[in-house]
Every structure is written in C-alpha cells, then in structure tokens.
Amino acid sequence: MTKKFELEKQMVTLDSIIMKLESDDLPLESQLLEYENGMKIIKECRDYIEKTEQKIIDLSK
C-alpha cells in the first residue's frame, strides 16, 4: 500500500527540526541527524511540488 504524501505534515515536521537545530540543547551528532532528516524531507517536498506542477501544466493543455 502506497503511503499518501502530506505536504502540510512534512512542513510541520520541518518546523520542528528547525526549532531543534536553533536551540543549543542538541549534541553535535543529534544536530547532524536532524539536519540530514530535514534535507531528506525538503527533497521529498520539492519532488512532490514538481510533480504537482507538472500535473497542473498537463491539465491546462
């Protein structure tokens, strides 16, 4: 079963990651893991937005 991508949920997750990274409470290793996770989510969001834009273009033809 394919999991539905939820852009809004991913944006909330990114906000949470940003807040963690901006705090001084995380050890360096944890910061790196959060950063990597955030970059992965950003890529997924970009891919989703690009696919959605292409669908809109195709439907407009």
PDB file of N, CA and C in Angstrom:
ATOM      1  N   MET A   1       0.833  -1.178   0.000  1.00  0.00           N
ATOM      2  CA  MET A   1       0.000   0.000   0.000  1.00  0.00           C
ATOM      3  C   MET A   1       0.886   1.252   0.000  1.00  0.00           C
ATOM      4  N   THR A   2       0.604   2.175  -0.915  1.00  0.00           N
ATOM      5  CA  THR A   2       1.384   3.391  -1.028  1.00  0.00           C
ATOM      6  C   THR A   2       0.917   4.417  -0.002  1.00  0.00           C
ATOM      7  N   LYS A   3       1.870   4.972   0.701  1.00  0.00           N
ATOM      8  CA  LYS A   3       1.551   5.991   1.706  1.00  0.00           C
ATOM      9  C   LYS A   3       1.351   7.334   1.003  1.00  0.00           C
ATOM     10  N   LYS A   4       0.256   8.015   1.328  1.00  0.00           N
ATOM     11  CA  LYS A   4      -0.046   9.310   0.730  1.00  0.00           C
ATOM     12  C   LYS A   4       0.897  10.366   1.297  1.00  0.00           C
ATOM     13  N   PHE A   5       1.468  11.141   0.412  1.00  0.00           N
ATOM     14  CA  PHE A   5       2.360  12.220   0.829  1.00  0.00           C
ATOM     15  C   PHE A   5       1.522  13.389   1.331  1.00  0.00           C
ATOM     16  N   GLU A   6       1.847  13.896   2.499  1.00  0.00           N
ATOM     17  CA  GLU A   6       1.117  15.019   3.081  1.00  0.00           C
ATOM     18  C   GLU A   6       2.083  16.186   3.265  1.00  0.00           C
ATOM     19  N   LEU A   7       2.011  17.128   2.337  1.00  0.00           N
ATOM     20  CA  LEU A   7       2.924  18.266   2.338  1.00  0.00           C
ATOM     21  C   LEU A   7       2.832  19.068   3.634  1.00  0.00           C
ATOM     22  N   GLU A   8       1.623  19.334   4.075  1.00  0.00           N
ATOM     23  CA  GLU A   8       1.450  20.134   5.287  1.00  0.00           C
ATOM     24  C   GLU A   8       2.084  19.463   6.507  1.00  0.00           C
ATOM     25  N   LYS A   9       1.927  18.158   6.588  1.00  0.00           N
ATOM     26  CA  LYS A   9       2.510  17.409   7.709  1.00  0.00           C
ATOM     27  C   LYS A   9       4.039  17.483   7.664  1.00  0.00           C
ATOM     28  N   GLN A  10       4.592  17.392   6.467  1.00  0.00           N
ATOM     29  CA  GLN A  10       6.046  17.471   6.313  1.00  0.00           C
ATOM     30  C   GLN A  10       6.556  18.863   6.682  1.00  0.00           C
ATOM     31  N   MET A  11       5.772  19.894   6.360  1.00  0.00           N
ATOM     32  CA  MET A  11       6.170  21.254   6.713  1.00  0.00           C
ATOM     33  C   MET A  11       6.194  21.440   8.233  1.00  0.00           C
ATOM     34  N   VAL A  12       5.233  20.845   8.924  1.00  0.00           N
ATOM     35  CA  VAL A  12       5.212  20.908  10.390  1.00  0.00           C
ATOM     36  C   VAL A  12       6.444  20.194  10.952  1.00  0.00           C
ATOM     37  N   THR A  13       6.782  19.051  10.362  1.00  0.00           N
ATOM     38  CA  THR A  13       7.969  18.315  10.793  1.00  0.00           C
ATOM     39  C   THR A  13       9.226  19.151  10.578  1.00  0.00           C
ATOM     40  N   LEU A  14       9.311  19.830   9.430  1.00  0.00           N
ATOM     41  CA  LEU A  14      10.462  20.697   9.167  1.00  0.00           C
ATOM     42  C   LEU A  14      10.549  21.833  10.182  1.00  0.00           C
ATOM     43  N   ASP A  15       9.423  22.422  10.516  1.00  0.00           N
ATOM     44  CA  ASP A  15       9.421  23.481  11.531  1.00  0.00           C
ATOM     45  C   ASP A  15       9.971  22.965  12.857  1.00  0.00           C
ATOM     46  N   SER A  16       9.583  21.753  13.210  1.00  0.00           N
ATOM     47  CA  SER A  16      10.060  21.146  14.448  1.00  0.00           C
ATOM     48  C   SER A  16      11.575  20.932  14.402  1.00  0.00           C
ATOM     49  N   ILE A  17      12.059  20.463  13.270  1.00  0.00           N
ATOM     50  CA  ILE A  17      13.502  20.241  13.102  1.00  0.00           C
ATOM     51  C   ILE A  17      14.251  21.562  13.214  1.00  0.00           C
ATOM     52  N   ILE A  18      13.722  22.603  12.579  1.00  0.00           N
ATOM     53  CA  ILE A  18      14.366  23.917  12.637  1.00  0.00           C
ATOM     54  C   ILE A  18      14.450  24.411  14.075  1.00  0.00           C
ATOM     55  N   MET A  19      13.371  24.242  14.815  1.00  0.00           N
ATOM     56  CA  MET A  19      13.372  24.677  16.215  1.00  0.00           C
ATOM     57  C   MET A  19      14.426  23.927  17.022  1.00  0.00           C
ATOM     58  N   LYS A  20      14.547  22.619  16.766  1.00  0.00           N
ATOM     59  CA  LYS A  20      15.558  21.827  17.477  1.00  0.00           C
ATOM     60  C   LYS A  20      16.966  22.302  17.136  1.00  0.00           C
ATOM     61  N   LEU A  21      17.193  22.569  15.835  1.00  0.00           N
ATOM     62  CA  LEU A  21      18.522  22.990  15.405  1.00  0.00           C
ATOM     63  C   LEU A  21      18.873  24.383  15.919  1.00  0.00           C
ATOM     64  N   GLU A  22      17.885  25.232  16.080  1.00  0.00           N
ATOM     65  CA  GLU A  22      18.142  26.581  16.571  1.00  0.00           C
ATOM     66  C   GLU A  22      18.385  26.625  18.077  1.00  0.00           C
ATOM     67  N   SER A  23      17.960  25.586  18.768  1.00  0.00           N
ATOM     68  CA  SER A  23      18.228  25.543  20.207  1.00  0.00           C
ATOM     69  C   SER A  23      19.667  25.086  20.417  1.00  0.00           C
ATOM     70  N   ASP A  24      20.194  25.381  21.553  1.00  0.00           N
ATOM     71  CA  ASP A  24      21.577  24.986  21.851  1.00  0.00           C
ATOM     72  C   ASP A  24      21.636  23.705  22.667  1.00  0.00           C
ATOM     73  N   ASP A  25      20.527  22.986  22.713  1.00  0.00           N
ATOM     74  CA  ASP A  25      20.438  21.817  23.586  1.00  0.00           C
ATOM     75  C   ASP A  25      20.897  20.512  22.942  1.00  0.00           C
ATOM     76  N   LEU A  26      20.966  20.470  21.617  1.00  0.00           N
ATOM     77  CA  LEU A  26      21.290  19.212  20.940  1.00  0.00           C
ATOM     78  C   LEU A  26      22.793  19.007  20.808  1.00  0.00           C
ATOM     79  N   PRO A  27      23.251  17.799  21.094  1.00  0.00           N
ATOM     80  CA  PRO A  27      24.654  17.468  20.820  1.00  0.00           C
ATOM     81  C   PRO A  27      24.899  17.485  19.304  1.00  0.00           C
ATOM     82  N   LEU A  28      26.137  17.620  18.922  1.00  0.00           N
ATOM     83  CA  LEU A  28      26.501  17.738  17.514  1.00  0.00           C
ATOM     84  C   LEU A  28      25.982  16.569  16.677  1.00  0.00           C
ATOM     85  N   GLU A  29      26.119  15.348  17.175  1.00  0.00           N
ATOM     86  CA  GLU A  29      25.658  14.179  16.414  1.00  0.00           C
ATOM     87  C   GLU A  29      24.156  14.237  16.171  1.00  0.00           C
ATOM     88  N   SER A  30      23.405  14.660  17.165  1.00  0.00           N
ATOM     89  CA  SER A  30      21.956  14.780  17.019  1.00  0.00           C
ATOM     90  C   SER A  30      21.606  15.886  16.034  1.00  0.00           C
ATOM     91  N   GLN A  31      22.382  16.969  16.063  1.00  0.00           N
ATOM     92  CA  GLN A  31      22.158  18.050  15.106  1.00  0.00           C
ATOM     93  C   GLN A  31      22.360  17.552  13.683  1.00  0.00           C
ATOM     94  N   LEU A  32      23.395  16.767  13.488  1.00  0.00           N
ATOM     95  CA  LEU A  32      23.671  16.224  12.161  1.00  0.00           C
ATOM     96  C   LEU A  32      22.539  15.324  11.694  1.00  0.00           C
ATOM     97  N   LEU A  33      22.040  14.472  12.570  1.00  0.00           N
ATOM     98  CA  LEU A  33      20.926  13.590  12.212  1.00  0.00           C
ATOM     99  C   LEU A  33      19.670  14.389  11.874  1.00  0.00           C
ATOM    100  N   GLU A  34      19.385  15.413  12.667  1.00  0.00           N
ATOM    101  CA  GLU A  34      18.221  16.262  12.394  1.00  0.00           C
ATOM    102  C   GLU A  34      18.389  16.978  11.055  1.00  0.00           C
ATOM    103  N   TYR A  35      19.587  17.484  10.800  1.00  0.00           N
ATOM    104  CA  TYR A  35      19.869  18.175   9.543  1.00  0.00           C
ATOM    105  C   TYR A  35      19.664  17.237   8.354  1.00  0.00           C
ATOM    106  N   GLU A  36      20.207  16.032   8.444  1.00  0.00           N
ATOM    107  CA  GLU A  36      20.051  15.053   7.363  1.00  0.00           C
ATOM    108  C   GLU A  36      18.584  14.726   7.137  1.00  0.00           C
ATOM    109  N   ASN A  37      17.841  14.538   8.212  1.00  0.00           N
ATOM    110  CA  ASN A  37      16.422  14.246   8.106  1.00  0.00           C
ATOM    111  C   ASN A  37      15.684  15.415   7.451  1.00  0.00           C
ATOM    112  N   GLY A  38      16.032  16.625   7.850  1.00  0.00           N
ATOM    113  CA  GLY A  38      15.414  17.809   7.260  1.00  0.00           C
ATOM    114  C   GLY A  38      15.697  17.918   5.773  1.00  0.00           C
ATOM    115  N   MET A  39      16.920  17.654   5.375  1.00  0.00           N
ATOM    116  CA  MET A  39      17.269  17.722   3.954  1.00  0.00           C
ATOM    117  C   MET A  39      16.517  16.662   3.149  1.00  0.00           C
ATOM    118  N   LYS A  40      16.327  15.491   3.728  1.00  0.00           N
ATOM    119  CA  LYS A  40      15.560  14.433   3.070  1.00  0.00           C
ATOM    120  C   LYS A  40      14.106  14.879   2.871  1.00  0.00           C
ATOM    121  N   ILE A  41      13.539  15.471   3.901  1.00  0.00           N
ATOM    122  CA  ILE A  41      12.153  15.942   3.815  1.00  0.00           C
ATOM    123  C   ILE A  41      12.032  17.053   2.774  1.00  0.00           C
ATOM    124  N   ILE A  42      13.001  17.968   2.739  1.00  0.00           N
ATOM    125  CA  ILE A  42      12.979  19.048   1.750  1.00  0.00           C
ATOM    126  C   ILE A  42      12.997  18.476   0.343  1.00  0.00           C
ATOM    127  N   LYS A  43      13.823  17.468   0.101  1.00  0.00           N
ATOM    128  CA  LYS A  43      13.876  16.844  -1.229  1.00  0.00           C
ATOM    129  C   LYS A  43      12.532  16.212  -1.579  1.00  0.00           C
ATOM    130  N   GLU A  44      11.929  15.509  -0.627  1.00  0.00           N
ATOM    131  CA  GLU A  44      10.628  14.891  -0.870  1.00  0.00           C
ATOM    132  C   GLU A  44       9.569  15.947  -1.185  1.00  0.00           C
ATOM    133  N   CYS A  45       9.606  17.059  -0.469  1.00  0.00           N
ATOM    134  CA  CYS A  45       8.643  18.141  -0.708  1.00  0.00           C
ATOM    135  C   CYS A  45       8.849  18.751  -2.091  1.00  0.00           C
ATOM    136  N   ARG A  46      10.099  18.996  -2.454  1.00  0.00           N
ATOM    137  CA  ARG A  46      10.388  19.556  -3.783  1.00  0.00           C
ATOM    138  C   ARG A  46       9.908  18.616  -4.883  1.00  0.00           C
ATOM    139  N   ASP A  47      10.197  17.335  -4.731  1.00  0.00           N
ATOM    140  CA  ASP A  47       9.760  16.356  -5.730  1.00  0.00           C
ATOM    141  C   ASP A  47       8.244  16.350  -5.857  1.00  0.00           C
ATOM    142  N   TYR A  48       7.557  16.383  -4.730  1.00  0.00           N
ATOM    143  CA  TYR A  48       6.095  16.388  -4.724  1.00  0.00           C
ATOM    144  C   TYR A  48       5.557  17.645  -5.415  1.00  0.00           C
ATOM    145  N   ILE A  49       6.139  18.790  -5.101  1.00  0.00           N
ATOM    146  CA  ILE A  49       5.690  20.051  -5.702  1.00  0.00           C
ATOM    147  C   ILE A  49       5.945  20.049  -7.206  1.00  0.00           C
ATOM    148  N   GLU A  50       7.107  19.554  -7.634  1.00  0.00           N
ATOM    149  CA  GLU A  50       7.413  19.493  -9.063  1.00  0.00           C
ATOM    150  C   GLU A  50       6.428  18.588  -9.800  1.00  0.00           C
ATOM    151  N   LYS A  51       6.104  17.439  -9.224  1.00  0.00           N
ATOM    152  CA  LYS A  51       5.137  16.532  -9.851  1.00  0.00           C
ATOM    153  C   LYS A  51       3.760  17.174  -9.924  1.00  0.00           C
ATOM    154  N   THR A  52       3.387  17.878  -8.863  1.00  0.00           N
ATOM    155  CA  THR A  52       2.090  18.544  -8.834  1.00  0.00           C
ATOM    156  C   THR A  52       2.037  19.658  -9.873  1.00  0.00           C
ATOM    157  N   GLU A  53       3.117  20.429  -9.994  1.00  0.00           N
ATOM    158  CA  GLU A  53       3.173  21.480 -11.012  1.00  0.00           C
ATOM    159  C   GLU A  53       3.034  20.887 -12.406  1.00  0.00           C
ATOM    160  N   GLN A  54       3.693  19.762 -12.646  1.00  0.00           N
ATOM    161  CA  GLN A  54       3.616  19.129 -13.962  1.00  0.00           C
ATOM    162  C   GLN A  54       2.200  18.647 -14.246  1.00  0.00           C
ATOM    163  N   LYS A  55       1.518  18.109 -13.248  1.00  0.00           N
ATOM    164  CA  LYS A  55       0.126  17.683 -13.424  1.00  0.00           C
ATOM    165  C   LYS A  55      -0.754  18.866 -13.804  1.00  0.00           C
ATOM    166  N   ILE A  56      -0.531  20.005 -13.141  1.00  0.00           N
ATOM    167  CA  ILE A  56      -1.319  21.204 -13.437  1.00  0.00           C
ATOM    168  C   ILE A  56      -1.058  21.667 -14.867  1.00  0.00           C
ATOM    169  N   ILE A  57       0.195  21.665 -15.280  1.00  0.00           N
ATOM    170  CA  ILE A  57       0.544  22.049 -16.649  1.00  0.00           C
ATOM    171  C   ILE A  57      -0.131  21.114 -17.639  1.00  0.00           C
ATOM    172  N   ASP A  58      -0.063  19.812 -17.379  1.00  0.00           N
ATOM    173  CA  ASP A  58      -0.678  18.831 -18.276  1.00  0.00           C
ATOM    174  C   ASP A  58      -2.189  19.015 -18.359  1.00  0.00           C
ATOM    175  N   LEU A  59      -2.816  19.316 -17.244  1.00  0.00           N
ATOM    176  CA  LEU A  59      -4.267  19.508 -17.232  1.00  0.00           C
ATOM    177  C   LEU A  59      -4.681  20.803 -17.927  1.00  0.00           C
ATOM    178  N   SER A  60      -3.778  21.764 -17.974  1.00  0.00           N
ATOM    179  CA  SER A  60      -4.085  23.058 -18.584  1.00  0.00           C
ATOM    180  C   SER A  60      -3.995  23.027 -20.101  1.00  0.00           C
ATOM    181  N   LYS A  61      -3.425  21.991 -20.650  1.00  0.00           N
ATOM    182  CA  LYS A  61      -3.246  21.896 -22.112  1.00  0.00           C
ATOM    183  C   LYS A  61      -4.532  21.540 -22.796  1.00  0.00           C
TER     184      LYS A  61
END
